[in-house]
Every structure is written in C-alpha cells, then in structure tokens.
Protein backbone atom coordinates (compact mmCIF):
# COMPACT_ATOMS: atom_id res chain seq x y z
CA MET A 1 25.49 -33.89 -68.82
CA ALA A 2 28.16 -35.27 -66.33
CA GLU A 3 26.97 -38.10 -64.22
CA LEU A 4 25.64 -37.99 -60.76
CA ASP A 5 28.30 -39.80 -59.04
CA ASP A 6 30.98 -37.60 -60.86
CA LEU A 7 28.95 -34.32 -59.85
CA ARG A 8 28.78 -35.60 -56.18
CA SER A 9 32.55 -36.50 -56.27
CA GLN A 10 33.01 -32.60 -57.23
CA ILE A 11 30.93 -31.45 -54.31
CA ASP A 12 32.81 -33.63 -51.80
CA SER A 13 36.73 -32.25 -53.12
CA ILE A 14 34.87 -28.90 -52.97
CA ASP A 15 33.65 -29.78 -49.16
CA ASP A 16 36.96 -31.04 -48.59
CA GLU A 17 38.73 -27.34 -49.01
CA LEU A 18 36.18 -25.69 -47.60
CA LEU A 19 36.55 -27.82 -44.20
CA GLU A 20 40.07 -26.97 -44.40
CA LEU A 21 39.50 -22.93 -44.91
CA LEU A 22 37.51 -23.55 -41.99
CA GLY A 23 40.04 -24.49 -39.68
CA ARG A 24 42.18 -22.48 -40.80
CA ARG A 25 39.67 -19.55 -40.21
CA MET A 26 39.07 -20.73 -36.78
CA LYS A 27 42.75 -20.79 -36.06
CA VAL A 28 42.74 -17.14 -37.02
CA ALA A 29 39.59 -16.37 -34.61
CA ASP A 30 41.59 -17.72 -31.95
CA GLY A 31 44.20 -15.52 -32.10
CA ILE A 32 41.77 -12.67 -32.89
CA ALA A 33 40.36 -13.44 -29.86
CA ASP A 34 43.63 -13.57 -27.54
CA TYR A 35 44.47 -10.08 -29.31
CA LYS A 36 40.81 -9.04 -27.79
CA ARG A 37 41.21 -10.38 -24.23
CA GLU A 38 44.91 -8.99 -23.94
CA HIS A 39 43.39 -5.51 -25.01
CA ASP A 40 39.92 -5.79 -23.42
CA LEU A 41 38.12 -5.74 -26.81
CA PRO A 42 34.48 -6.77 -26.92
CA VAL A 43 33.94 -9.82 -28.89
CA LEU A 44 31.56 -8.41 -31.09
CA ASP A 45 32.46 -5.67 -33.63
CA LYS A 46 29.04 -4.73 -35.38
CA SER A 47 30.44 -2.49 -37.76
CA ARG A 48 33.32 -4.69 -39.29
CA GLU A 49 30.24 -7.18 -39.41
CA ARG A 50 27.89 -5.43 -41.34
CA ALA A 51 30.91 -4.15 -43.74
CA ILE A 52 31.86 -7.22 -44.70
CA LEU A 53 28.25 -8.53 -45.29
CA ALA A 54 27.85 -5.51 -47.63
CA ASP A 55 31.34 -6.74 -49.23
CA VAL A 56 30.03 -10.42 -49.73
CA TYR A 57 26.86 -8.91 -51.19
CA GLU A 58 28.77 -6.89 -53.93
CA LYS A 59 31.12 -9.91 -54.70
CA SER A 60 28.45 -12.47 -54.93
CA ASP A 61 26.85 -13.87 -58.24
CA GLU A 62 23.33 -12.47 -58.22
CA SER A 63 21.87 -16.24 -58.18
CA VAL A 64 23.45 -17.05 -54.46
CA ARG A 65 23.78 -13.73 -52.86
CA ASP A 66 21.05 -14.35 -50.26
CA TYR A 67 22.93 -17.76 -49.60
CA SER A 68 26.21 -16.11 -49.52
CA GLN A 69 24.98 -13.77 -46.74
CA LEU A 70 23.57 -16.75 -45.01
CA ILE A 71 26.64 -18.71 -44.76
CA PHE A 72 28.93 -15.55 -44.01
CA SER A 73 26.43 -14.84 -41.08
CA LEU A 74 26.61 -18.56 -39.39
CA LEU A 75 30.43 -18.21 -39.81
CA PHE A 76 30.14 -14.88 -37.87
CA GLU A 77 28.18 -16.75 -34.82
CA ALA A 78 30.02 -19.82 -34.74
CA SER A 79 33.55 -17.52 -34.80
CA ARG A 80 31.92 -15.21 -31.83
CA ALA A 81 30.71 -18.25 -29.95
CA ARG A 82 34.57 -19.34 -30.39
CA GLN A 83 35.86 -16.05 -29.43
CA SER A 84 33.63 -15.70 -26.34
CA ALA A 85 34.75 -19.27 -24.64
CA ARG A 86 38.39 -18.69 -25.14
CA ILE A 87 38.50 -15.11 -24.08
CA GLY A 88 36.43 -16.63 -20.84
CA ARG A 89 33.78 -13.81 -20.98
CA ALA A 90 30.61 -16.03 -21.43
CA SER A 91 27.47 -16.11 -19.62
CA THR A 92 27.88 -16.82 -15.68
CA VAL A 93 24.94 -19.22 -16.21
CA GLY A 94 27.50 -22.17 -16.93
CA ALA A 95 29.02 -21.64 -13.66
CA ASP A 96 25.41 -21.32 -11.54
CA ILE A 97 24.43 -25.05 -13.64
CA LYS A 98 27.87 -26.57 -12.42
CA ALA A 99 27.15 -25.40 -8.71
CA ALA A 100 23.46 -26.30 -8.77
CA MET A 101 24.11 -29.99 -9.89
CA GLU A 102 27.08 -30.36 -7.35
CA ALA A 103 24.44 -29.03 -4.47
CA THR A 104 21.51 -30.81 -5.38
CA ASP A 105 19.95 -33.72 -3.91
CA ALA A 106 20.44 -37.19 -5.59
CA LEU A 107 16.88 -37.66 -5.03
CA PHE A 108 13.67 -35.58 -5.48
CA PRO A 109 12.09 -34.84 -2.32
CA PRO A 110 9.18 -36.99 -1.26
CA GLN A 111 7.52 -34.46 0.89
CA ALA A 112 7.60 -30.87 0.83
CA TYR A 113 5.09 -27.52 1.32
CA VAL A 114 3.50 -26.97 -2.12
CA ALA A 115 1.75 -23.80 -3.32
CA CYS A 116 -1.27 -24.54 -5.60
CA GLN A 117 -4.12 -22.67 -7.12
CA GLY A 118 -7.58 -23.31 -6.43
CA VAL A 119 -9.18 -25.88 -3.58
CA GLU A 120 -8.77 -29.49 -3.05
CA GLY A 121 -9.61 -31.48 -5.81
CA ALA A 122 -8.02 -29.19 -8.48
CA TYR A 123 -5.54 -30.46 -11.50
CA SER A 124 -3.03 -28.64 -9.80
CA GLN A 125 -3.53 -30.68 -6.20
CA ILE A 126 -3.27 -34.14 -8.52
CA ALA A 127 -0.51 -32.73 -10.08
CA ALA A 128 1.32 -32.16 -6.76
CA ASP A 129 0.49 -35.69 -5.77
CA ARG A 130 2.07 -36.76 -9.07
CA LEU A 131 5.37 -35.07 -8.48
CA PHE A 132 5.63 -35.54 -4.57
CA LYS A 133 4.60 -38.87 -2.22
CA HIS A 134 3.47 -37.17 0.74
CA PRO A 135 2.91 -33.28 -0.43
CA SER A 136 1.91 -30.72 2.01
CA ILE A 137 -0.23 -28.09 -0.10
CA THR A 138 -1.20 -24.83 0.64
CA TYR A 139 -4.34 -23.80 -1.59
CA LEU A 140 -4.36 -20.24 -2.58
CA SER A 141 -6.55 -17.84 -4.58
CA SER A 142 -4.66 -17.07 -8.07
CA PHE A 143 -1.37 -18.20 -10.15
CA ASP A 144 0.35 -14.82 -8.93
CA ALA A 145 0.09 -15.80 -5.32
CA VAL A 146 1.40 -19.33 -6.24
CA PHE A 147 4.55 -17.01 -7.64
CA THR A 148 4.71 -15.12 -4.71
CA ALA A 149 4.79 -18.08 -2.07
CA VAL A 150 7.65 -19.40 -3.85
CA GLU A 151 9.33 -16.06 -4.26
CA GLN A 152 8.78 -15.11 -1.16
CA GLY A 153 9.65 -18.63 0.72
CA PHE A 154 6.36 -19.22 2.48
CA CYS A 155 6.72 -22.92 0.16
CA ARG A 156 9.57 -24.67 -1.40
CA TYR A 157 7.33 -25.33 -4.54
CA GLY A 158 4.51 -24.41 -6.56
CA VAL A 159 2.78 -26.27 -8.98
CA LEU A 160 1.34 -24.25 -11.77
CA PRO A 161 -0.41 -25.30 -15.38
CA ILE A 162 1.59 -24.27 -18.31
CA GLU A 163 -0.09 -25.66 -21.22
CA ASN A 164 -2.57 -27.91 -22.83
CA SER A 165 -2.31 -30.74 -25.43
CA THR A 166 -6.15 -28.92 -26.99
CA ALA A 167 -6.37 -25.26 -25.90
CA GLY A 168 -2.41 -24.55 -25.96
CA SER A 169 -0.38 -22.46 -23.58
CA VAL A 170 -1.98 -20.97 -20.35
CA ASN A 171 -1.02 -17.29 -21.16
CA GLN A 172 -1.66 -15.85 -17.80
CA VAL A 173 1.32 -18.07 -16.38
CA TYR A 174 3.60 -17.02 -19.13
CA ASP A 175 2.93 -13.53 -18.46
CA LEU A 176 3.52 -13.71 -15.00
CA MET A 177 6.95 -15.69 -15.88
CA MET A 178 8.12 -12.01 -16.43
CA ARG A 179 7.35 -10.64 -13.28
CA HIS A 180 8.76 -13.56 -10.69
CA ASN A 181 11.90 -14.92 -9.75
CA PHE A 182 11.75 -18.69 -9.99
CA HIS A 183 13.15 -22.03 -11.66
CA ILE A 184 11.52 -24.88 -12.84
CA VAL A 185 12.80 -28.29 -10.90
CA ARG A 186 10.36 -30.68 -12.61
CA THR A 187 7.24 -31.06 -15.04
CA THR A 188 4.49 -33.53 -15.19
CA ARG A 189 1.57 -34.44 -17.41
CA ILE A 190 -2.07 -34.95 -16.25
CA LYS A 191 -4.77 -36.43 -18.12
CA ILE A 192 -7.66 -34.08 -18.36
CA ASP A 193 -11.28 -35.82 -17.85
CA HIS A 194 -14.35 -32.73 -17.53
CA ASN A 195 -17.23 -34.16 -15.95
CA LEU A 196 -20.42 -32.43 -15.73
CA LEU A 197 -21.38 -32.19 -11.86
CA ALA A 198 -24.21 -31.38 -10.08
CA LYS A 199 -26.43 -31.69 -6.76
CA ARG A 200 -27.73 -35.39 -6.12
CA GLY A 201 -30.84 -35.52 -8.07
CA THR A 202 -30.31 -32.71 -10.68
CA LYS A 203 -31.28 -33.83 -14.22
CA ILE A 204 -29.43 -32.34 -16.97
CA ASP A 205 -32.11 -30.66 -18.68
CA ASP A 206 -32.32 -28.78 -15.59
CA ILE A 207 -29.01 -26.96 -15.66
CA ARG A 208 -29.33 -23.31 -16.10
CA ASP A 209 -25.49 -21.84 -15.27
CA VAL A 210 -22.61 -24.12 -15.88
CA TYR A 211 -19.13 -22.69 -13.69
CA THR A 212 -15.81 -23.75 -15.28
CA HIS A 213 -12.57 -22.46 -15.81
CA ALA A 214 -11.88 -20.80 -19.19
CA GLN A 215 -9.47 -23.49 -20.56
CA ALA A 216 -12.02 -26.23 -19.65
CA ILE A 217 -14.49 -24.37 -21.76
CA GLU A 218 -12.33 -24.27 -24.59
CA GLN A 219 -11.66 -27.82 -24.14
CA SER A 220 -15.27 -29.05 -24.04
CA ARG A 221 -16.71 -26.43 -26.33
CA ALA A 222 -18.99 -28.70 -28.65
CA PHE A 223 -20.45 -30.24 -24.89
CA LEU A 224 -21.17 -27.04 -23.86
CA ASP A 225 -22.61 -25.66 -27.06
CA SER A 226 -25.32 -28.80 -27.26
CA LEU A 227 -26.47 -27.84 -23.32
CA PRO A 228 -29.80 -25.87 -24.60
CA ASN A 229 -30.67 -24.01 -21.88
CA ALA A 230 -27.54 -23.52 -19.70
CA GLN A 231 -25.32 -20.17 -19.94
CA VAL A 232 -21.21 -20.93 -19.31
CA HIS A 233 -19.63 -18.92 -16.74
CA VAL A 234 -15.62 -18.32 -15.82
CA CYS A 235 -14.23 -19.52 -12.86
CA GLU A 236 -10.72 -19.49 -11.18
CA ASN A 237 -10.40 -23.11 -11.10
CA THR A 238 -12.83 -26.17 -11.71
CA ALA A 239 -12.29 -27.42 -8.31
CA MET A 240 -13.71 -23.99 -7.17
CA ALA A 241 -16.28 -24.54 -9.25
CA ALA A 242 -17.44 -28.02 -8.15
CA GLN A 243 -16.94 -26.54 -4.40
CA MET A 244 -19.28 -23.71 -5.13
CA VAL A 245 -22.06 -25.88 -6.72
CA ALA A 246 -22.00 -28.30 -3.57
CA GLN A 247 -22.26 -24.83 -1.47
CA SER A 248 -24.82 -23.35 -3.22
CA GLU A 249 -28.74 -23.66 -2.61
CA ARG A 250 -29.75 -23.72 -5.95
CA THR A 251 -30.41 -26.75 -7.98
CA ASP A 252 -29.79 -25.52 -11.51
CA ILE A 253 -26.31 -25.16 -11.75
CA ALA A 254 -23.27 -27.39 -12.72
CA ALA A 255 -19.61 -27.79 -12.45
CA LEU A 256 -17.35 -28.68 -15.35
CA SER A 257 -14.63 -30.80 -13.16
CA SER A 258 -12.67 -33.66 -12.20
CA ARG A 259 -14.20 -37.10 -11.52
CA SER A 260 -12.35 -36.65 -7.71
CA CYS A 261 -14.62 -33.93 -7.40
CA ALA A 262 -17.75 -35.93 -7.85
CA ASP A 263 -16.60 -37.81 -4.37
CA LEU A 264 -14.84 -34.93 -2.48
CA TYR A 265 -17.97 -32.51 -2.63
CA ASP A 266 -20.97 -35.23 -2.98
CA LEU A 267 -21.73 -34.35 -6.05
CA ASP A 268 -23.77 -36.26 -9.18
CA ILE A 269 -21.96 -37.02 -12.46
CA LEU A 270 -24.13 -36.12 -14.94
CA ALA A 271 -21.96 -36.74 -18.05
CA LYS A 272 -18.65 -38.23 -17.92
CA GLY A 273 -15.46 -36.95 -20.21
CA VAL A 274 -17.07 -34.17 -22.03
CA GLN A 275 -13.77 -32.91 -23.43
CA ASP A 276 -13.53 -32.35 -26.86
CA SER A 277 -10.50 -34.74 -27.71
CA GLY A 278 -9.94 -38.09 -25.38
CA ASN A 279 -6.04 -37.26 -25.65
CA ASN A 280 -6.32 -34.44 -23.47
CA TYR A 281 -3.41 -33.54 -21.04
CA THR A 282 -2.14 -30.44 -19.18
CA ARG A 283 1.25 -30.20 -18.62
CA PHE A 284 1.91 -28.89 -14.90
CA ALA A 285 5.65 -27.01 -13.68
CA CYS A 286 6.92 -27.51 -10.26
CA ILE A 287 8.68 -24.28 -9.58
CA GLY A 288 11.14 -23.32 -6.70
CA LYS A 289 12.70 -20.20 -5.65
CA GLN A 290 16.43 -22.06 -5.81
CA LEU A 291 18.17 -23.40 -8.70
CA GLU A 292 18.32 -27.04 -8.07
CA ILE A 293 19.11 -29.60 -10.77
CA PHE A 294 18.06 -33.33 -10.05
CA PRO A 295 19.85 -36.39 -11.83
CA GLY A 296 18.54 -37.25 -15.28
CA ALA A 297 17.44 -33.34 -16.03
CA ASP A 298 17.33 -33.63 -19.76
CA ARG A 299 14.93 -30.43 -20.29
CA THR A 300 15.46 -26.92 -20.46
CA SER A 301 13.65 -23.64 -20.31
CA LEU A 302 14.70 -20.40 -21.45
CA MET A 303 13.21 -16.90 -21.42
CA VAL A 304 14.51 -14.84 -24.25
CA VAL A 305 14.71 -11.52 -25.50
CA VAL A 306 15.95 -11.05 -29.08
CA ASN A 307 17.37 -7.87 -30.74
CA HIS A 308 14.42 -5.92 -32.64
CA GLU A 309 15.84 -6.25 -36.46
CA PRO A 310 15.33 -8.52 -38.96
CA GLY A 311 17.20 -12.08 -38.59
CA SER A 312 17.67 -12.10 -34.80
CA LEU A 313 15.21 -14.85 -33.75
CA CYS A 314 16.53 -16.98 -37.02
CA LYS A 315 20.11 -16.70 -35.61
CA LEU A 316 19.50 -18.01 -31.96
CA LEU A 317 17.14 -20.92 -34.29
CA GLU A 318 20.41 -21.44 -36.06
CA ARG A 319 22.25 -21.82 -32.74
CA PHE A 320 20.03 -24.92 -31.68
CA TYR A 321 20.21 -26.60 -34.98
CA ALA A 322 24.22 -26.51 -35.27
CA LEU A 323 24.21 -28.14 -31.89
CA GLU A 324 21.49 -30.58 -32.89
CA ILE A 325 19.35 -29.54 -29.56
CA ASN A 326 16.00 -30.22 -30.42
CA LEU A 327 13.27 -27.25 -29.71
CA ILE A 328 10.65 -28.81 -28.27
CA LYS A 329 8.31 -25.74 -27.45
CA LEU A 330 8.59 -22.20 -28.73
CA GLU A 331 6.08 -19.39 -27.19
CA SER A 332 6.06 -15.71 -27.23
CA ARG A 333 4.43 -13.29 -25.41
CA PRO A 334 4.13 -9.37 -26.30
CA ILE A 335 6.34 -7.32 -23.04
CA PRO A 336 4.59 -4.96 -21.16
CA ASP A 337 5.58 -1.30 -21.81
CA ARG A 338 7.77 -2.31 -25.06
CA ASP A 339 5.91 -2.00 -28.20
CA PHE A 340 5.81 -4.83 -30.55
CA GLU A 341 8.38 -6.25 -28.43
CA PHE A 342 7.64 -9.85 -27.58
CA MET A 343 9.70 -12.61 -24.94
CA PHE A 344 10.30 -15.56 -26.07
CA TYR A 345 10.05 -19.06 -24.10
CA PHE A 346 12.31 -22.41 -25.41
CA ASP A 347 11.83 -25.57 -23.95
CA LEU A 348 14.81 -27.46 -25.21
CA GLU A 349 15.28 -31.26 -25.19
CA CYS A 350 19.01 -32.03 -24.58
CA PRO A 351 20.47 -33.41 -21.45
CA VAL A 352 22.09 -31.00 -18.66
CA ALA A 353 25.38 -32.83 -18.88
CA ALA A 354 25.94 -32.68 -22.57
CA PRO A 355 29.00 -30.83 -24.06
CA GLU A 356 26.64 -29.34 -26.77
CA PHE A 357 24.45 -27.64 -24.02
CA ALA A 358 27.10 -26.32 -22.13
CA THR A 359 28.41 -24.59 -25.20
CA LEU A 360 25.28 -23.32 -25.52
CA MET A 361 24.51 -21.97 -22.50
CA SER A 362 28.26 -20.44 -22.93
CA SER A 363 27.11 -18.48 -26.48
CA LEU A 364 23.56 -17.57 -25.88
CA ASP A 365 24.62 -13.78 -24.86
CA ASP A 366 25.89 -13.55 -28.91
CA VAL A 367 22.62 -13.98 -30.42
CA CYS A 368 20.39 -12.68 -27.39
CA GLU A 369 19.39 -8.52 -26.16
CA GLU A 370 19.27 -10.47 -22.99
CA PHE A 371 18.13 -14.15 -21.86
CA ARG A 372 16.96 -15.87 -18.43
CA TYR A 373 17.99 -19.67 -17.52
CA LEU A 374 14.52 -20.80 -16.13
CA GLY A 375 16.57 -24.62 -15.20
CA SER A 376 16.91 -27.90 -16.12
CA TYR A 377 14.88 -30.54 -14.90
CA SER A 378 13.17 -34.14 -16.32
CA GLU A 379 9.27 -34.61 -16.32
CA VAL A 380 7.48 -36.91 -15.03
CA ILE A 381 4.82 -39.17 -17.10
C-alpha cells in the first residue's frame, strides 16, 4: 500500500494540472463572452449545458458520475458569472448599491418620523428608541399599515419584528414583504421579558382571561399552561393587551406584556419573566422607502425565486459557498397563487464594500428566476 505522503503528492500534482486547465478554460470563456457581446447572444445556452452534462454522464466512470456532474455544473456557474461580468449585462443592482453608498449620510439619523405597530410600550417602540435617539413615533394598528406608511411617504422609517430567538420568524411580516416596496436600513435585537400584568389588587388565582400577542404565547407556553383557570386570547400587540386590561372594568383579566407597560398603564406585575427561555430576543428591522446604505453595513437581505426544477436552490447556495459569503438566515414562504413555489429570504454576512459581495450581486441573475435586493445594513446590539 502506498504511503500517505506519496498519495498526497499525487493529489497535489493532479490539482496543479486542474488549476492550469481551469485557467485555460476561463480564457476561452472570455473569448466566448466577447463573441456573445458582439453578436448580442445570451450568456446562458441551456441546451448546450444540458448536452454537455449528458455527455459527462455517459463518459464518466459509474462510481464518479454524480461527482462529475456536480463539478461540471459548478464550472458552468463560474463561467456564466465571469461572462456576465465581462459582457456587462450584470444586474443593475450593483450600480444602485454604489449610488446609495455615495448618497447616504455618514451618520444614521438621530431623529426621524417612525411608524410602529401597536401602542406606547410595544416592543417595536422599544426597538425604535434603540435605533434612534429621538424618534417621532406614529402608532398604527397592523404590520401592513406600517409598510404602507413607509411606502407612501407618511413616515420615513418603519420598525417591524422579523424573528424571535425561540418562536422563530414572524411569518406575517415575511408574507407582507412580497407585497410592498421597501429597503432595510438597520436592524436591532431587543431582550424580550414577558410579565403577567393586571389591575392593582388582583391576585394571580383570580385571572380568568389572559391577552397577549401570538408570539408571546409561543414564547411563554409553560407558564400559561400552569394557570389553572385562565383562557388565553390572541391580541394584536402585547402593549395593546396591557392597555386593554387597564381600560377594562374587569378585575379578572391580565396581559402578558413588557415590564415598561406596568408603569405606563399603572398595572401590577403578578409574575415576572415568564417566558420559557431566559435568552429570548426579538430582531427588529428598520425599513425605509429609499435605498440607504450607511457606513459599516455588513449584512444584506435578499428575496429570491429560483427556477422550479431540481438543484436550483443548491446552485444558489453553491454561489455563496464559492465566494465564502456566510449565510446567517434562510427563510421560505409560499408565493400566493403559485402552487408549491416559494420565495426564499436570505440574510448574508459580508461587508458591502467587499469585492466578493460585488461579484455576487453581479451574478445572481444567472442562478435565480428573479431576485430582489432588500438592502445592506448593520445591526445595533
């Protein structure tokens, strides 16, 4: 049996040959790109790629057929990306990003008109206070209304919850993203501390109905199940629940809400920190109508629809891997009126000024049926 060092030496020699061949292949691909540009031909020639992959399958040893097809698929992806950049047919998103970086102020605004869902004391308001020094907050009844206020220019920014560390993504917000035009300009994380609030003098055994937001229910399931006589009701917002309890004449109802709502609405805290996990955070996105990219942006969000065929999502993920761009979130939501097709949401970790980020933005058209750039930003912790 050959020694390990000898085998590795053989591998190194083969790899050197592969690198030389790859360089030669890319130079030929440059020539093909020039020809396609001169004759106004599309970069993608699907029938040729399909024929080559079929030929690779036939020529490959049975033991490596799958690997051979994977490697050639990656070669095609790299070649198309290089040709797109050379021809100059890359997505205009790159130019939009550059223009936004040049036009955006150096500092995030300390004061702005901000739309939030709920009422005073809502976690969205707490997030807005974290993002801005002096926000002028307009409270709206729904997440949809927040998107609309930003989209129509009534407020410069909106603050929306997008995911929780224990309950997961806020699906309602992700579904609304498909219907509205907006950009993410910053995100922040808020520690969630749910408390059982009731009118002063009320005992915990007196509680018959508890009101709170659906996500708060999921985050505090064990505690709510421990209440022997109480029914739980979904409310639009935890702060709205506290406000309702304060305004009600009943003394047998309670709200699951933030500690700040106890002082705000003059309620007693019957139980503190009742969430199932002590490490419970909600991530909030600050959205705006205009594309603004403030200095230090190192995260990016995308909405992507891939071709409805096997391997389409894999090809996109391979692009992230090849460019060494870290994928920190992947969410999928069904597309209305399109059976079994999904919108994919990606959060990427990569400085917006990095060359690999520019390469990614210029080549996404090659691996996506459609994509939408939601913005690049930093996260305030």
